[in-house]
């Protein structure tokens, strides 16, 4: 299943950006019951979970983005879309952001652990100055 991110770019500290990730859950084992998440990786650092969401609306956020970022999804169209609204951006939010999905299991708990996800997008760069 192909995940395609968009919406990255440059922003001033305190500004906002919205990332999008389009995909199709048709013909997957989980159908529409999968976990989805956003991760990020800055140069020289490990990939870290930013936010995750289950189909029942359960959301998890990293402490560093809690209260500033909002994860949401739209499953009403032909292709599903995952969003990440990033507010009050900080220079330390600068990283490559990745969309990820677990299409192998029905989502019971939308974890922020990278190893739990088996499909990844190509990434979109976010730079905050």
C-alpha atoms as a PDB file:
ATOM      1  CA  UNK A   1       0.000   0.000   0.000  1.00  0.00           C
ATOM      2  CA  UNK A   2       1.470   3.334  -1.029  1.00  0.00           C
ATOM      3  CA  UNK A   3       1.496   6.211   1.431  1.00  0.00           C
ATOM      4  CA  UNK A   4       2.070   9.664  -0.063  1.00  0.00           C
ATOM      5  CA  UNK A   5       2.901  12.631   2.177  1.00  0.00           C
ATOM      6  CA  UNK A   6       2.586  16.296   1.294  1.00  0.00           C
ATOM      7  CA  UNK A   7       2.435  19.669   3.015  1.00  0.00           C
ATOM      8  CA  UNK A   8       5.944  19.999   4.327  1.00  0.00           C
ATOM      9  CA  UNK A   9       7.981  23.152   3.893  1.00  0.00           C
ATOM     10  CA  UNK A  10       9.448  26.055   5.815  1.00  0.00           C
ATOM     11  CA  UNK A  11       7.798  27.997   8.606  1.00  0.00           C
ATOM     12  CA  UNK A  12       8.694  30.620  11.158  1.00  0.00           C
ATOM     13  CA  UNK A  13       8.781  29.721  14.819  1.00  0.00           C
ATOM     14  CA  UNK A  14       5.277  30.091  16.184  1.00  0.00           C
ATOM     15  CA  UNK A  15       3.735  29.360  12.824  1.00  0.00           C
ATOM     16  CA  UNK A  16       1.695  26.415  11.573  1.00  0.00           C
ATOM     17  CA  UNK A  17       1.831  23.732   8.924  1.00  0.00           C
ATOM     18  CA  UNK A  18      -0.487  20.882   8.001  1.00  0.00           C
ATOM     19  CA  UNK A  19       0.867  17.599   6.670  1.00  0.00           C
ATOM     20  CA  UNK A  20      -1.271  15.188   4.666  1.00  0.00           C
ATOM     21  CA  UNK A  21      -0.835  11.517   3.873  1.00  0.00           C
ATOM     22  CA  UNK A  22      -3.055   9.817   1.322  1.00  0.00           C
ATOM     23  CA  UNK A  23      -3.424   6.057   1.046  1.00  0.00           C
ATOM     24  CA  UNK A  24      -5.963   3.356   0.393  1.00  0.00           C
ATOM     25  CA  UNK A  25      -6.839   0.690   2.936  1.00  0.00           C
ATOM     26  CA  UNK A  26      -8.788  -1.340   0.389  1.00  0.00           C
ATOM     27  CA  UNK A  27      -7.563  -4.884  -0.132  1.00  0.00           C
ATOM     28  CA  UNK A  28      -5.492  -4.793   3.048  1.00  0.00           C
ATOM     29  CA  UNK A  29      -5.832  -7.321   5.847  1.00  0.00           C
ATOM     30  CA  UNK A  30      -7.098  -4.693   8.255  1.00  0.00           C
ATOM     31  CA  UNK A  31      -9.358  -2.905   5.819  1.00  0.00           C
ATOM     32  CA  UNK A  32     -10.256   0.275   7.646  1.00  0.00           C
ATOM     33  CA  UNK A  33      -9.271  -0.937  11.114  1.00  0.00           C
ATOM     34  CA  UNK A  34      -5.574  -0.082  11.030  1.00  0.00           C
ATOM     35  CA  UNK A  35      -3.396   2.126  13.197  1.00  0.00           C
ATOM     36  CA  UNK A  36      -1.853   5.209  11.591  1.00  0.00           C
ATOM     37  CA  UNK A  37       0.919   7.453  12.840  1.00  0.00           C
ATOM     38  CA  UNK A  38       3.330  10.268  12.108  1.00  0.00           C
ATOM     39  CA  UNK A  39       7.022   9.939  12.872  1.00  0.00           C
ATOM     40  CA  UNK A  40       9.924  12.308  12.421  1.00  0.00           C
ATOM     41  CA  UNK A  41      13.657  12.043  12.149  1.00  0.00           C
ATOM     42  CA  UNK A  42      16.137  14.864  12.498  1.00  0.00           C
ATOM     43  CA  UNK A  43      19.722  14.556  11.212  1.00  0.00           C
ATOM     44  CA  UNK A  44      21.814  12.453  13.562  1.00  0.00           C
ATOM     45  CA  UNK A  45      18.818  11.414  15.663  1.00  0.00           C
ATOM     46  CA  UNK A  46      16.649   8.332  15.879  1.00  0.00           C
ATOM     47  CA  UNK A  47      13.198   8.211  14.347  1.00  0.00           C
ATOM     48  CA  UNK A  48      10.622   9.195  16.946  1.00  0.00           C
ATOM     49  CA  UNK A  49       6.876   8.847  17.136  1.00  0.00           C
ATOM     50  CA  UNK A  50       5.005  12.141  17.002  1.00  0.00           C
ATOM     51  CA  UNK A  51       1.320  11.199  16.970  1.00  0.00           C
ATOM     52  CA  UNK A  52      -0.818   8.141  16.320  1.00  0.00           C
ATOM     53  CA  UNK A  53      -4.486   7.399  15.824  1.00  0.00           C
ATOM     54  CA  UNK A  54      -6.764   4.375  15.803  1.00  0.00           C
ATOM     55  CA  UNK A  55      -9.978   3.996  13.839  1.00  0.00           C
ATOM     56  CA  UNK A  56     -11.975   4.473  17.041  1.00  0.00           C
ATOM     57  CA  UNK A  57     -10.416   7.926  17.386  1.00  0.00           C
ATOM     58  CA  UNK A  58      -7.925   7.048  20.119  1.00  0.00           C
ATOM     59  CA  UNK A  59      -4.952   9.407  19.817  1.00  0.00           C
ATOM     60  CA  UNK A  60      -1.485   9.423  21.326  1.00  0.00           C
ATOM     61  CA  UNK A  61       1.062  12.226  21.221  1.00  0.00           C
ATOM     62  CA  UNK A  62       4.707  12.558  22.102  1.00  0.00           C
ATOM     63  CA  UNK A  63       5.233  14.792  25.132  1.00  0.00           C
ATOM     64  CA  UNK A  64       7.182  17.231  22.976  1.00  0.00           C
ATOM     65  CA  UNK A  65       4.175  17.983  20.752  1.00  0.00           C
ATOM     66  CA  UNK A  66       1.275  17.486  23.170  1.00  0.00           C
ATOM     67  CA  UNK A  67      -1.022  20.512  22.998  1.00  0.00           C
ATOM     68  CA  UNK A  68       0.561  21.811  19.781  1.00  0.00           C
ATOM     69  CA  UNK A  69      -0.020  19.071  17.183  1.00  0.00           C
ATOM     70  CA  UNK A  70      -3.311  17.445  16.188  1.00  0.00           C
ATOM     71  CA  UNK A  71      -3.622  14.169  14.295  1.00  0.00           C
ATOM     72  CA  UNK A  72      -6.807  13.401  12.388  1.00  0.00           C
ATOM     73  CA  UNK A  73      -8.047  11.294   9.515  1.00  0.00           C
ATOM     74  CA  UNK A  74     -10.677  11.422   6.790  1.00  0.00           C
ATOM     75  CA  UNK A  75     -11.977   8.062   5.630  1.00  0.00           C
ATOM     76  CA  UNK A  76     -15.020   9.332   3.755  1.00  0.00           C
ATOM     77  CA  UNK A  77     -13.463   9.681   0.321  1.00  0.00           C
ATOM     78  CA  UNK A  78     -12.146   7.236  -2.267  1.00  0.00           C
ATOM     79  CA  UNK A  79      -8.692   7.531  -0.739  1.00  0.00           C
ATOM     80  CA  UNK A  80      -8.086   7.828   2.988  1.00  0.00           C
ATOM     81  CA  UNK A  81      -6.164  10.823   4.263  1.00  0.00           C
ATOM     82  CA  UNK A  82      -4.200  11.226   7.462  1.00  0.00           C
ATOM     83  CA  UNK A  83      -3.425  14.752   8.674  1.00  0.00           C
ATOM     84  CA  UNK A  84      -1.040  16.330  11.123  1.00  0.00           C
ATOM     85  CA  UNK A  85      -1.822  19.912  12.060  1.00  0.00           C
ATOM     86  CA  UNK A  86       1.280  21.472  13.597  1.00  0.00           C
ATOM     87  CA  UNK A  87       0.792  24.689  15.575  1.00  0.00           C
ATOM     88  CA  UNK A  88       3.206  26.834  17.590  1.00  0.00           C
ATOM     89  CA  UNK A  89       6.110  25.375  15.671  1.00  0.00           C
ATOM     90  CA  UNK A  90       9.564  25.411  17.222  1.00  0.00           C
ATOM     91  CA  UNK A  91      12.996  25.100  15.608  1.00  0.00           C
ATOM     92  CA  UNK A  92      13.349  21.705  17.310  1.00  0.00           C
ATOM     93  CA  UNK A  93      10.389  20.473  15.230  1.00  0.00           C
ATOM     94  CA  UNK A  94      12.660  20.584  12.181  1.00  0.00           C
ATOM     95  CA  UNK A  95      12.870  17.069  10.765  1.00  0.00           C
ATOM     96  CA  UNK A  96      11.788  14.738   8.005  1.00  0.00           C
ATOM     97  CA  UNK A  97       8.229  13.676   8.785  1.00  0.00           C
ATOM     98  CA  UNK A  98       6.942  10.232   7.830  1.00  0.00           C
ATOM     99  CA  UNK A  99       3.463   8.783   7.609  1.00  0.00           C
ATOM    100  CA  UNK A 100       3.171   5.162   8.741  1.00  0.00           C
ATOM    101  CA  UNK A 101       0.494   2.489   8.832  1.00  0.00           C
ATOM    102  CA  UNK A 102       0.057  -0.967  10.305  1.00  0.00           C
ATOM    103  CA  UNK A 103      -1.969  -2.922   7.770  1.00  0.00           C
ATOM    104  CA  UNK A 104      -1.166  -6.313   9.314  1.00  0.00           C
ATOM    105  CA  UNK A 105      -3.206  -6.078  12.488  1.00  0.00           C
ATOM    106  CA  UNK A 106      -6.502  -4.667  13.636  1.00  0.00           C
ATOM    107  CA  UNK A 107      -5.654  -1.582  15.659  1.00  0.00           C
ATOM    108  CA  UNK A 108      -6.092  -2.157  19.384  1.00  0.00           C
ATOM    109  CA  UNK A 109      -3.690   0.521  20.599  1.00  0.00           C
ATOM    110  CA  UNK A 110      -2.151   3.181  18.300  1.00  0.00           C
ATOM    111  CA  UNK A 111       1.421   2.947  19.528  1.00  0.00           C
ATOM    112  CA  UNK A 112       4.240   5.401  18.836  1.00  0.00           C
ATOM    113  CA  UNK A 113       6.817   2.641  18.389  1.00  0.00           C
ATOM    114  CA  UNK A 114       8.246   2.514  14.829  1.00  0.00           C
ATOM    115  CA  UNK A 115       8.590  -1.286  14.903  1.00  0.00           C
ATOM    116  CA  UNK A 116       4.801  -1.665  15.047  1.00  0.00           C
ATOM    117  CA  UNK A 117       4.324  -0.134  11.591  1.00  0.00           C
ATOM    118  CA  UNK A 118       4.878  -1.963   8.309  1.00  0.00           C
ATOM    119  CA  UNK A 119       4.094   0.651   5.654  1.00  0.00           C
ATOM    120  CA  UNK A 120       5.907   3.972   5.344  1.00  0.00           C
ATOM    121  CA  UNK A 121       5.740   7.035   3.138  1.00  0.00           C
ATOM    122  CA  UNK A 122       8.758   8.667   1.536  1.00  0.00           C
ATOM    123  CA  UNK A 123       8.809  11.562   3.976  1.00  0.00           C
ATOM    124  CA  UNK A 124       8.256  15.306   3.767  1.00  0.00           C
ATOM    125  CA  UNK A 125      10.705  17.873   5.135  1.00  0.00           C
ATOM    126  CA  UNK A 126       9.651  20.432   7.733  1.00  0.00           C
ATOM    127  CA  UNK A 127      12.040  23.266   8.546  1.00  0.00           C
ATOM    128  CA  UNK A 128      11.310  25.787  11.300  1.00  0.00           C
ATOM    129  CA  UNK A 129      13.466  28.864  11.736  1.00  0.00           C
END
